[in-house]
Amino acid sequence: MKSQEAALRYARALYEIVKEKKSVESGLNQLREFTKALNKDVEIQSFFVSPSVSKELRQKVLDALFEKSNIQDELKGLLTILVEKNRMMLLEAITISFEKIVDESLGVVRGQVESATTLIPEERQNLEKTISRYTGKKVVLEYQENKELLGGLVARVGSYTFDDSLESQLRLMKEALVNRRAH
């Protein structure tokens, strides 16, 4: 729990700095890309979190990465602090917390959709509009196909679940029939 709290503090601090410099979106994109790149390579990831690697060596490698990339200064500062304090293992949690802070400030809510078939762009737009009306926020959804669904879809956005799967519809029909017989 303490690491989550620390990650949130780093994310808030980064947000305040990039907000002041009016570079929130680029900061978020760069943080996502750096985190994704680090997570892709297990060797690099373990290099940055291993206690057997000196802080000086980690900082040299980080500086070399900075020279080859176009990372904004605020993000460089965060990464340097994380290396100095042996806290690079918090990077993914910081990224997630930072994304949530940015989304909240922009009135955005994120969610996942599982559907029996691939949804075409028009269906995706309609779904996002419908959920946006319901939540009162701009909705950004990630889509994935789930062959276990017989038909329809299930969308999870924040604490809401929108279940329009065939299985759910059949269950509701069964309940309605049972209730009708009981009366």
N, C-alpha and C. Protein backbone atom coordinates (compact mmCIF):
# COMPACT_ATOMS: atom_id res chain seq x y z
N MET A 1 0.82 -1.18 0.00
CA MET A 1 0.00 0.00 0.00
C MET A 1 0.88 1.26 0.00
N LYS A 2 1.97 1.20 0.71
CA LYS A 2 2.85 2.37 0.76
C LYS A 2 3.43 2.70 -0.61
N SER A 3 3.71 1.66 -1.41
CA SER A 3 4.25 1.92 -2.74
C SER A 3 3.20 2.58 -3.62
N GLN A 4 1.92 2.21 -3.46
CA GLN A 4 0.83 2.86 -4.22
C GLN A 4 0.74 4.33 -3.83
N GLU A 5 0.85 4.61 -2.54
CA GLU A 5 0.79 5.99 -2.06
C GLU A 5 1.96 6.79 -2.61
N ALA A 6 3.14 6.18 -2.61
CA ALA A 6 4.32 6.86 -3.14
C ALA A 6 4.16 7.12 -4.64
N ALA A 7 3.65 6.13 -5.36
CA ALA A 7 3.44 6.29 -6.80
C ALA A 7 2.47 7.43 -7.07
N LEU A 8 1.42 7.51 -6.28
CA LEU A 8 0.43 8.58 -6.44
C LEU A 8 1.06 9.95 -6.16
N ARG A 9 1.90 10.03 -5.15
CA ARG A 9 2.58 11.31 -4.85
C ARG A 9 3.48 11.74 -6.01
N TYR A 10 4.25 10.80 -6.55
CA TYR A 10 5.10 11.13 -7.70
C TYR A 10 4.25 11.57 -8.89
N ALA A 11 3.14 10.85 -9.13
CA ALA A 11 2.26 11.18 -10.25
C ALA A 11 1.66 12.57 -10.08
N ARG A 12 1.21 12.90 -8.88
CA ARG A 12 0.64 14.23 -8.62
C ARG A 12 1.68 15.32 -8.83
N ALA A 13 2.88 15.08 -8.33
CA ALA A 13 3.95 16.07 -8.49
C ALA A 13 4.26 16.28 -9.97
N LEU A 14 4.38 15.20 -10.73
CA LEU A 14 4.65 15.31 -12.15
C LEU A 14 3.51 16.06 -12.84
N TYR A 15 2.28 15.74 -12.47
CA TYR A 15 1.13 16.41 -13.08
C TYR A 15 1.18 17.93 -12.84
N GLU A 16 1.46 18.33 -11.63
CA GLU A 16 1.51 19.76 -11.32
C GLU A 16 2.59 20.46 -12.15
N ILE A 17 3.72 19.80 -12.32
CA ILE A 17 4.81 20.40 -13.09
C ILE A 17 4.46 20.51 -14.57
N VAL A 18 3.96 19.42 -15.16
CA VAL A 18 3.66 19.46 -16.59
C VAL A 18 2.44 20.33 -16.89
N LYS A 19 1.54 20.42 -15.93
CA LYS A 19 0.36 21.29 -16.09
C LYS A 19 0.81 22.75 -16.16
N GLU A 20 1.74 23.10 -15.30
CA GLU A 20 2.29 24.46 -15.27
C GLU A 20 2.97 24.79 -16.60
N LYS A 21 3.64 23.81 -17.18
CA LYS A 21 4.37 24.01 -18.44
C LYS A 21 3.48 23.76 -19.66
N LYS A 22 2.19 23.45 -19.40
CA LYS A 22 1.23 23.18 -20.47
C LYS A 22 1.69 22.05 -21.40
N SER A 23 2.24 20.99 -20.78
CA SER A 23 2.71 19.85 -21.57
C SER A 23 2.18 18.54 -21.00
N VAL A 24 0.93 18.57 -20.53
CA VAL A 24 0.35 17.39 -19.90
C VAL A 24 0.24 16.22 -20.88
N GLU A 25 -0.31 16.49 -22.06
CA GLU A 25 -0.54 15.41 -23.03
C GLU A 25 0.77 14.78 -23.50
N SER A 26 1.75 15.61 -23.82
CA SER A 26 3.03 15.05 -24.26
C SER A 26 3.73 14.33 -23.11
N GLY A 27 3.59 14.85 -21.90
CA GLY A 27 4.17 14.18 -20.74
C GLY A 27 3.56 12.80 -20.53
N LEU A 28 2.24 12.72 -20.67
CA LEU A 28 1.56 11.44 -20.52
C LEU A 28 2.00 10.46 -21.60
N ASN A 29 2.04 10.93 -22.84
CA ASN A 29 2.45 10.05 -23.94
C ASN A 29 3.88 9.55 -23.76
N GLN A 30 4.77 10.45 -23.37
CA GLN A 30 6.17 10.04 -23.19
C GLN A 30 6.33 9.08 -22.01
N LEU A 31 5.60 9.34 -20.93
CA LEU A 31 5.67 8.45 -19.78
C LEU A 31 5.14 7.06 -20.14
N ARG A 32 4.03 7.02 -20.88
CA ARG A 32 3.49 5.73 -21.33
C ARG A 32 4.50 4.99 -22.20
N GLU A 33 5.08 5.69 -23.17
CA GLU A 33 6.03 5.06 -24.09
C GLU A 33 7.26 4.54 -23.35
N PHE A 34 7.80 5.34 -22.44
CA PHE A 34 8.98 4.93 -21.69
C PHE A 34 8.66 3.69 -20.85
N THR A 35 7.52 3.72 -20.17
CA THR A 35 7.12 2.59 -19.33
C THR A 35 6.90 1.35 -20.17
N LYS A 36 6.25 1.51 -21.31
CA LYS A 36 6.00 0.37 -22.20
C LYS A 36 7.32 -0.22 -22.69
N ALA A 37 8.25 0.64 -23.08
CA ALA A 37 9.55 0.17 -23.56
C ALA A 37 10.30 -0.57 -22.46
N LEU A 38 10.24 -0.04 -21.26
CA LEU A 38 10.92 -0.67 -20.13
C LEU A 38 10.28 -2.03 -19.81
N ASN A 39 8.97 -2.10 -19.87
CA ASN A 39 8.27 -3.35 -19.57
C ASN A 39 8.47 -4.42 -20.64
N LYS A 40 8.78 -4.00 -21.87
CA LYS A 40 9.00 -4.96 -22.96
C LYS A 40 10.28 -5.76 -22.77
N ASP A 41 11.29 -5.14 -22.20
CA ASP A 41 12.60 -5.78 -22.08
C ASP A 41 12.89 -6.12 -20.62
N VAL A 42 12.81 -7.38 -20.29
CA VAL A 42 12.99 -7.84 -18.91
C VAL A 42 14.40 -7.52 -18.41
N GLU A 43 15.40 -7.63 -19.28
CA GLU A 43 16.78 -7.37 -18.87
C GLU A 43 16.97 -5.90 -18.47
N ILE A 44 16.44 -5.00 -19.29
CA ILE A 44 16.56 -3.57 -18.97
C ILE A 44 15.78 -3.26 -17.70
N GLN A 45 14.60 -3.84 -17.59
CA GLN A 45 13.77 -3.62 -16.41
C GLN A 45 14.50 -4.08 -15.15
N SER A 46 15.07 -5.28 -15.18
CA SER A 46 15.77 -5.78 -14.00
C SER A 46 17.05 -4.98 -13.74
N PHE A 47 17.67 -4.45 -14.79
CA PHE A 47 18.85 -3.59 -14.61
C PHE A 47 18.50 -2.38 -13.75
N PHE A 48 17.37 -1.75 -14.04
CA PHE A 48 16.99 -0.53 -13.33
C PHE A 48 16.47 -0.77 -11.92
N VAL A 49 16.05 -1.99 -11.60
CA VAL A 49 15.53 -2.25 -10.25
C VAL A 49 16.46 -3.13 -9.41
N SER A 50 17.49 -3.67 -10.01
CA SER A 50 18.39 -4.57 -9.29
C SER A 50 19.25 -3.83 -8.27
N PRO A 51 19.27 -4.31 -7.04
CA PRO A 51 20.11 -3.68 -6.01
C PRO A 51 21.61 -3.89 -6.26
N SER A 52 21.95 -4.85 -7.12
CA SER A 52 23.37 -5.11 -7.39
C SER A 52 23.97 -4.13 -8.39
N VAL A 53 23.13 -3.34 -9.05
CA VAL A 53 23.61 -2.34 -10.01
C VAL A 53 23.69 -1.00 -9.28
N SER A 54 24.82 -0.34 -9.41
CA SER A 54 25.01 0.93 -8.69
C SER A 54 24.12 2.03 -9.27
N LYS A 55 23.79 2.99 -8.41
CA LYS A 55 22.98 4.13 -8.85
C LYS A 55 23.71 4.90 -9.95
N GLU A 56 25.02 4.99 -9.82
CA GLU A 56 25.82 5.74 -10.80
C GLU A 56 25.71 5.11 -12.18
N LEU A 57 25.81 3.78 -12.23
CA LEU A 57 25.71 3.08 -13.51
C LEU A 57 24.31 3.22 -14.10
N ARG A 58 23.30 3.10 -13.24
CA ARG A 58 21.92 3.28 -13.71
C ARG A 58 21.73 4.69 -14.28
N GLN A 59 22.29 5.68 -13.59
CA GLN A 59 22.14 7.06 -14.05
C GLN A 59 22.88 7.27 -15.37
N LYS A 60 24.05 6.64 -15.54
CA LYS A 60 24.77 6.76 -16.81
C LYS A 60 23.95 6.19 -17.97
N VAL A 61 23.35 5.03 -17.74
CA VAL A 61 22.52 4.41 -18.77
C VAL A 61 21.30 5.29 -19.06
N LEU A 62 20.70 5.83 -18.01
CA LEU A 62 19.55 6.72 -18.17
C LEU A 62 19.94 7.97 -18.96
N ASP A 63 21.08 8.54 -18.63
CA ASP A 63 21.57 9.72 -19.36
C ASP A 63 21.80 9.41 -20.84
N ALA A 64 22.33 8.22 -21.11
CA ALA A 64 22.53 7.82 -22.51
C ALA A 64 21.19 7.68 -23.22
N LEU A 65 20.19 7.17 -22.54
CA LEU A 65 18.85 7.08 -23.11
C LEU A 65 18.29 8.48 -23.38
N PHE A 66 18.54 9.39 -22.47
CA PHE A 66 18.06 10.77 -22.64
C PHE A 66 18.67 11.42 -23.87
N GLU A 67 19.96 11.15 -24.12
CA GLU A 67 20.64 11.74 -25.27
C GLU A 67 20.06 11.25 -26.59
N LYS A 68 19.59 10.01 -26.60
CA LYS A 68 19.07 9.41 -27.83
C LYS A 68 17.57 9.65 -28.02
N SER A 69 16.94 10.26 -27.04
CA SER A 69 15.48 10.44 -27.13
C SER A 69 15.11 11.91 -26.96
N ASN A 70 13.84 12.17 -27.15
CA ASN A 70 13.33 13.53 -27.09
C ASN A 70 12.43 13.69 -25.86
N ILE A 71 12.85 13.14 -24.73
CA ILE A 71 12.06 13.16 -23.50
C ILE A 71 12.10 14.55 -22.88
N GLN A 72 10.92 15.04 -22.48
CA GLN A 72 10.87 16.37 -21.90
C GLN A 72 11.55 16.39 -20.53
N ASP A 73 12.02 17.56 -20.15
CA ASP A 73 12.82 17.73 -18.94
C ASP A 73 12.11 17.26 -17.67
N GLU A 74 10.80 17.49 -17.59
CA GLU A 74 10.06 17.10 -16.39
C GLU A 74 10.09 15.59 -16.19
N LEU A 75 9.98 14.86 -17.27
CA LEU A 75 10.04 13.40 -17.19
C LEU A 75 11.46 12.93 -16.88
N LYS A 76 12.44 13.61 -17.46
CA LYS A 76 13.84 13.29 -17.14
C LYS A 76 14.08 13.45 -15.64
N GLY A 77 13.54 14.53 -15.09
CA GLY A 77 13.69 14.78 -13.65
C GLY A 77 13.08 13.68 -12.82
N LEU A 78 11.87 13.26 -13.18
CA LEU A 78 11.21 12.18 -12.45
C LEU A 78 12.05 10.90 -12.51
N LEU A 79 12.47 10.52 -13.71
CA LEU A 79 13.24 9.28 -13.87
C LEU A 79 14.56 9.34 -13.11
N THR A 80 15.19 10.50 -13.12
CA THR A 80 16.45 10.67 -12.37
C THR A 80 16.22 10.48 -10.88
N ILE A 81 15.14 11.05 -10.36
CA ILE A 81 14.82 10.90 -8.93
C ILE A 81 14.54 9.44 -8.60
N LEU A 82 13.81 8.77 -9.48
CA LEU A 82 13.49 7.35 -9.24
C LEU A 82 14.76 6.50 -9.20
N VAL A 83 15.71 6.81 -10.08
CA VAL A 83 16.98 6.08 -10.08
C VAL A 83 17.75 6.39 -8.80
N GLU A 84 17.83 7.67 -8.43
CA GLU A 84 18.58 8.08 -7.23
C GLU A 84 18.02 7.42 -5.96
N LYS A 85 16.71 7.29 -5.89
CA LYS A 85 16.07 6.77 -4.68
C LYS A 85 15.75 5.27 -4.77
N ASN A 86 16.29 4.60 -5.80
CA ASN A 86 16.01 3.17 -6.00
C ASN A 86 14.52 2.88 -6.03
N ARG A 87 13.78 3.66 -6.81
CA ARG A 87 12.32 3.50 -6.86
C ARG A 87 11.80 3.30 -8.29
N MET A 88 12.64 2.82 -9.19
CA MET A 88 12.19 2.58 -10.56
C MET A 88 11.09 1.51 -10.62
N MET A 89 11.02 0.66 -9.59
CA MET A 89 9.96 -0.35 -9.59
C MET A 89 8.58 0.27 -9.47
N LEU A 90 8.52 1.55 -9.13
CA LEU A 90 7.24 2.26 -9.03
C LEU A 90 6.77 2.85 -10.36
N LEU A 91 7.59 2.76 -11.38
CA LEU A 91 7.30 3.45 -12.63
C LEU A 91 5.95 3.08 -13.23
N GLU A 92 5.62 1.82 -13.27
CA GLU A 92 4.33 1.43 -13.86
C GLU A 92 3.17 1.98 -13.03
N ALA A 93 3.27 1.89 -11.71
CA ALA A 93 2.20 2.42 -10.84
C ALA A 93 2.10 3.94 -10.97
N ILE A 94 3.23 4.61 -11.14
CA ILE A 94 3.23 6.06 -11.35
C ILE A 94 2.52 6.39 -12.66
N THR A 95 2.83 5.63 -13.70
CA THR A 95 2.21 5.84 -15.00
C THR A 95 0.70 5.68 -14.92
N ILE A 96 0.24 4.64 -14.26
CA ILE A 96 -1.19 4.39 -14.11
C ILE A 96 -1.85 5.52 -13.31
N SER A 97 -1.21 5.92 -12.21
CA SER A 97 -1.75 7.01 -11.39
C SER A 97 -1.77 8.33 -12.16
N PHE A 98 -0.72 8.59 -12.91
CA PHE A 98 -0.64 9.82 -13.70
C PHE A 98 -1.75 9.85 -14.75
N GLU A 99 -1.96 8.71 -15.41
CA GLU A 99 -3.02 8.62 -16.41
C GLU A 99 -4.38 8.92 -15.77
N LYS A 100 -4.63 8.37 -14.59
CA LYS A 100 -5.90 8.61 -13.90
C LYS A 100 -6.07 10.09 -13.54
N ILE A 101 -5.01 10.72 -13.09
CA ILE A 101 -5.06 12.14 -12.74
C ILE A 101 -5.37 12.98 -13.98
N VAL A 102 -4.69 12.68 -15.08
CA VAL A 102 -4.91 13.41 -16.33
C VAL A 102 -6.34 13.19 -16.81
N ASP A 103 -6.79 11.94 -16.79
CA ASP A 103 -8.16 11.64 -17.23
C ASP A 103 -9.18 12.40 -16.39
N GLU A 104 -8.98 12.39 -15.09
CA GLU A 104 -9.91 13.09 -14.19
C GLU A 104 -9.94 14.59 -14.50
N SER A 105 -8.78 15.17 -14.76
CA SER A 105 -8.73 16.60 -15.05
C SER A 105 -9.41 16.95 -16.37
N LEU A 106 -9.44 15.99 -17.29
CA LEU A 106 -10.04 16.21 -18.61
C LEU A 106 -11.48 15.70 -18.69
N GLY A 107 -11.99 15.12 -17.59
CA GLY A 107 -13.33 14.57 -17.60
C GLY A 107 -13.46 13.32 -18.45
N VAL A 108 -12.40 12.50 -18.45
CA VAL A 108 -12.36 11.28 -19.25
C VAL A 108 -12.46 10.08 -18.32
N VAL A 109 -13.20 9.08 -18.78
CA VAL A 109 -13.26 7.81 -18.06
C VAL A 109 -12.89 6.70 -19.06
N ARG A 110 -12.11 5.74 -18.59
CA ARG A 110 -11.64 4.64 -19.45
C ARG A 110 -12.35 3.34 -19.10
N GLY A 111 -12.45 2.48 -20.08
CA GLY A 111 -13.08 1.19 -19.85
C GLY A 111 -12.68 0.16 -20.87
N GLN A 112 -13.18 -1.05 -20.65
CA GLN A 112 -12.88 -2.17 -21.54
C GLN A 112 -14.19 -2.74 -22.06
N VAL A 113 -14.16 -3.18 -23.29
CA VAL A 113 -15.31 -3.81 -23.91
C VAL A 113 -14.88 -5.18 -24.42
N GLU A 114 -15.66 -6.19 -24.06
CA GLU A 114 -15.48 -7.53 -24.62
C GLU A 114 -16.69 -7.80 -25.49
N SER A 115 -16.46 -8.21 -26.71
CA SER A 115 -17.57 -8.50 -27.62
C SER A 115 -17.35 -9.85 -28.29
N ALA A 116 -18.47 -10.44 -28.71
CA ALA A 116 -18.40 -11.75 -29.36
C ALA A 116 -17.72 -11.65 -30.72
N THR A 117 -17.89 -10.52 -31.39
CA THR A 117 -17.27 -10.29 -32.70
C THR A 117 -16.57 -8.93 -32.67
N THR A 118 -15.74 -8.69 -33.65
CA THR A 118 -15.07 -7.40 -33.75
C THR A 118 -16.09 -6.33 -34.10
N LEU A 119 -16.09 -5.25 -33.33
CA LEU A 119 -17.02 -4.16 -33.58
C LEU A 119 -16.45 -3.24 -34.65
N ILE A 120 -17.31 -2.83 -35.59
CA ILE A 120 -16.88 -1.89 -36.62
C ILE A 120 -16.81 -0.49 -36.00
N PRO A 121 -16.08 0.43 -36.65
CA PRO A 121 -15.92 1.77 -36.08
C PRO A 121 -17.24 2.47 -35.73
N GLU A 122 -18.27 2.31 -36.56
CA GLU A 122 -19.55 2.96 -36.28
C GLU A 122 -20.18 2.41 -35.00
N GLU A 123 -20.08 1.09 -34.79
CA GLU A 123 -20.61 0.48 -33.57
C GLU A 123 -19.84 0.98 -32.34
N ARG A 124 -18.53 1.12 -32.50
CA ARG A 124 -17.70 1.61 -31.39
C ARG A 124 -18.09 3.04 -31.03
N GLN A 125 -18.28 3.89 -32.04
CA GLN A 125 -18.67 5.28 -31.80
C GLN A 125 -20.02 5.35 -31.10
N ASN A 126 -20.98 4.57 -31.56
CA ASN A 126 -22.30 4.56 -30.93
C ASN A 126 -22.23 4.10 -29.48
N LEU A 127 -21.43 3.08 -29.23
CA LEU A 127 -21.27 2.58 -27.87
C LEU A 127 -20.64 3.65 -26.97
N GLU A 128 -19.59 4.30 -27.47
CA GLU A 128 -18.93 5.34 -26.69
C GLU A 128 -19.87 6.51 -26.41
N LYS A 129 -20.69 6.90 -27.39
CA LYS A 129 -21.66 7.99 -27.19
C LYS A 129 -22.68 7.61 -26.13
N THR A 130 -23.19 6.38 -26.22
CA THR A 130 -24.20 5.92 -25.26
C THR A 130 -23.64 5.92 -23.84
N ILE A 131 -22.44 5.37 -23.67
CA ILE A 131 -21.83 5.31 -22.34
C ILE A 131 -21.47 6.72 -21.86
N SER A 132 -21.04 7.58 -22.77
CA SER A 132 -20.74 8.98 -22.41
C SER A 132 -21.97 9.68 -21.86
N ARG A 133 -23.12 9.47 -22.52
CA ARG A 133 -24.37 10.07 -22.03
C ARG A 133 -24.69 9.56 -20.64
N TYR A 134 -24.47 8.28 -20.42
CA TYR A 134 -24.81 7.68 -19.13
C TYR A 134 -23.88 8.17 -18.02
N THR A 135 -22.57 8.25 -18.31
CA THR A 135 -21.60 8.64 -17.28
C THR A 135 -21.42 10.15 -17.17
N GLY A 136 -21.78 10.87 -18.23
CA GLY A 136 -21.57 12.32 -18.22
C GLY A 136 -20.12 12.71 -18.47
N LYS A 137 -19.32 11.76 -18.95
CA LYS A 137 -17.90 12.02 -19.22
C LYS A 137 -17.54 11.50 -20.60
N LYS A 138 -16.40 11.99 -21.10
CA LYS A 138 -15.88 11.46 -22.36
C LYS A 138 -15.35 10.05 -22.06
N VAL A 139 -15.69 9.11 -22.92
CA VAL A 139 -15.34 7.71 -22.70
C VAL A 139 -14.27 7.27 -23.69
N VAL A 140 -13.24 6.62 -23.18
CA VAL A 140 -12.20 6.01 -24.01
C VAL A 140 -12.23 4.52 -23.69
N LEU A 141 -12.53 3.72 -24.71
CA LEU A 141 -12.68 2.28 -24.51
C LEU A 141 -11.60 1.49 -25.23
N GLU A 142 -11.20 0.40 -24.61
CA GLU A 142 -10.33 -0.58 -25.24
C GLU A 142 -11.21 -1.77 -25.61
N TYR A 143 -11.02 -2.28 -26.81
CA TYR A 143 -11.89 -3.34 -27.31
C TYR A 143 -11.11 -4.65 -27.44
N GLN A 144 -11.82 -5.73 -27.11
CA GLN A 144 -11.21 -7.04 -27.28
C GLN A 144 -12.32 -8.04 -27.59
N GLU A 145 -11.98 -8.98 -28.42
CA GLU A 145 -12.92 -10.02 -28.80
C GLU A 145 -12.86 -11.13 -27.76
N ASN A 146 -14.04 -11.65 -27.38
CA ASN A 146 -14.12 -12.75 -26.44
C ASN A 146 -14.99 -13.83 -27.06
N LYS A 147 -14.35 -14.88 -27.55
CA LYS A 147 -15.06 -15.96 -28.24
C LYS A 147 -15.99 -16.73 -27.31
N GLU A 148 -15.84 -16.59 -25.99
CA GLU A 148 -16.72 -17.28 -25.05
C GLU A 148 -18.10 -16.63 -24.99
N LEU A 149 -18.21 -15.38 -25.39
CA LEU A 149 -19.51 -14.73 -25.45
C LEU A 149 -20.27 -15.27 -26.66
N LEU A 150 -21.50 -15.65 -26.46
CA LEU A 150 -22.31 -16.17 -27.56
C LEU A 150 -22.73 -15.07 -28.51
N GLY A 151 -22.92 -13.89 -28.00
CA GLY A 151 -23.32 -12.74 -28.79
C GLY A 151 -23.36 -11.51 -27.90
N GLY A 152 -23.41 -10.34 -28.51
CA GLY A 152 -23.48 -9.10 -27.74
C GLY A 152 -22.14 -8.68 -27.20
N LEU A 153 -22.19 -7.91 -26.10
CA LEU A 153 -20.96 -7.38 -25.51
C LEU A 153 -21.14 -7.09 -24.04
N VAL A 154 -20.00 -6.90 -23.36
CA VAL A 154 -19.96 -6.48 -21.97
C VAL A 154 -18.95 -5.34 -21.90
N ALA A 155 -19.41 -4.19 -21.37
CA ALA A 155 -18.53 -3.03 -21.23
C ALA A 155 -18.36 -2.73 -19.75
N ARG A 156 -17.11 -2.51 -19.33
CA ARG A 156 -16.82 -2.13 -17.94
C ARG A 156 -16.14 -0.77 -17.98
N VAL A 157 -16.80 0.19 -17.34
CA VAL A 157 -16.30 1.57 -17.32
C VAL A 157 -16.39 2.06 -15.89
N GLY A 158 -15.22 2.27 -15.26
CA GLY A 158 -15.21 2.67 -13.86
C GLY A 158 -15.92 1.61 -13.03
N SER A 159 -16.89 2.03 -12.22
CA SER A 159 -17.61 1.09 -11.39
C SER A 159 -18.86 0.54 -12.08
N TYR A 160 -19.09 0.94 -13.34
CA TYR A 160 -20.26 0.50 -14.09
C TYR A 160 -19.94 -0.70 -14.97
N THR A 161 -20.93 -1.59 -15.09
CA THR A 161 -20.84 -2.70 -16.04
C THR A 161 -22.10 -2.65 -16.89
N PHE A 162 -21.91 -2.57 -18.20
CA PHE A 162 -23.01 -2.58 -19.16
C PHE A 162 -22.99 -3.95 -19.83
N ASP A 163 -23.94 -4.79 -19.47
CA ASP A 163 -23.95 -6.16 -19.96
C ASP A 163 -25.07 -6.34 -20.98
N ASP A 164 -24.69 -6.37 -22.25
CA ASP A 164 -25.64 -6.57 -23.33
C ASP A 164 -25.29 -7.88 -24.06
N SER A 165 -24.82 -8.85 -23.28
CA SER A 165 -24.44 -10.13 -23.88
C SER A 165 -25.68 -10.97 -24.09
N LEU A 166 -25.62 -11.90 -25.00
CA LEU A 166 -26.73 -12.80 -25.27
C LEU A 166 -27.06 -13.60 -24.02
N GLU A 167 -26.05 -14.03 -23.30
CA GLU A 167 -26.25 -14.79 -22.06
C GLU A 167 -27.07 -13.98 -21.05
N SER A 168 -26.75 -12.71 -20.90
CA SER A 168 -27.48 -11.84 -19.98
C SER A 168 -28.92 -11.64 -20.44
N GLN A 169 -29.12 -11.45 -21.74
CA GLN A 169 -30.48 -11.27 -22.26
C GLN A 169 -31.31 -12.53 -22.08
N LEU A 170 -30.72 -13.70 -22.29
CA LEU A 170 -31.44 -14.95 -22.07
C LEU A 170 -31.80 -15.14 -20.60
N ARG A 171 -30.91 -14.77 -19.71
CA ARG A 171 -31.17 -14.87 -18.27
C ARG A 171 -32.34 -13.97 -17.88
N LEU A 172 -32.36 -12.75 -18.42
CA LEU A 172 -33.46 -11.82 -18.13
C LEU A 172 -34.79 -12.35 -18.67
N MET A 173 -34.76 -12.95 -19.86
CA MET A 173 -35.98 -13.53 -20.42
C MET A 173 -36.49 -14.68 -19.55
N LYS A 174 -35.58 -15.51 -19.08
CA LYS A 174 -35.94 -16.63 -18.22
C LYS A 174 -36.58 -16.12 -16.93
N GLU A 175 -35.96 -15.08 -16.33
CA GLU A 175 -36.52 -14.51 -15.10
C GLU A 175 -37.91 -13.94 -15.34
N ALA A 176 -38.10 -13.28 -16.49
CA ALA A 176 -39.41 -12.72 -16.82
C ALA A 176 -40.45 -13.82 -16.97
N LEU A 177 -40.08 -14.93 -17.62
CA LEU A 177 -40.99 -16.05 -17.78
C LEU A 177 -41.34 -16.70 -16.44
N VAL A 178 -40.36 -16.85 -15.59
CA VAL A 178 -40.58 -17.43 -14.27
C VAL A 178 -41.51 -16.53 -13.47
N ASN A 179 -41.29 -15.22 -13.52
CA ASN A 179 -42.13 -14.28 -12.80
C ASN A 179 -43.55 -14.28 -13.33
N ARG A 180 -43.70 -14.43 -14.63
CA ARG A 180 -45.02 -14.44 -15.27
C ARG A 180 -45.81 -15.67 -14.81
N ARG A 181 -45.10 -16.82 -14.71
CA ARG A 181 -45.76 -18.05 -14.27
C ARG A 181 -46.17 -17.97 -12.80
N ALA A 182 -45.37 -17.27 -12.01
CA ALA A 182 -45.64 -17.16 -10.57
C ALA A 182 -46.89 -16.32 -10.30
N HIS A 183 -47.26 -15.47 -11.23
CA HIS A 183 -48.42 -14.59 -11.00
C HIS A 183 -49.61 -15.19 -11.56
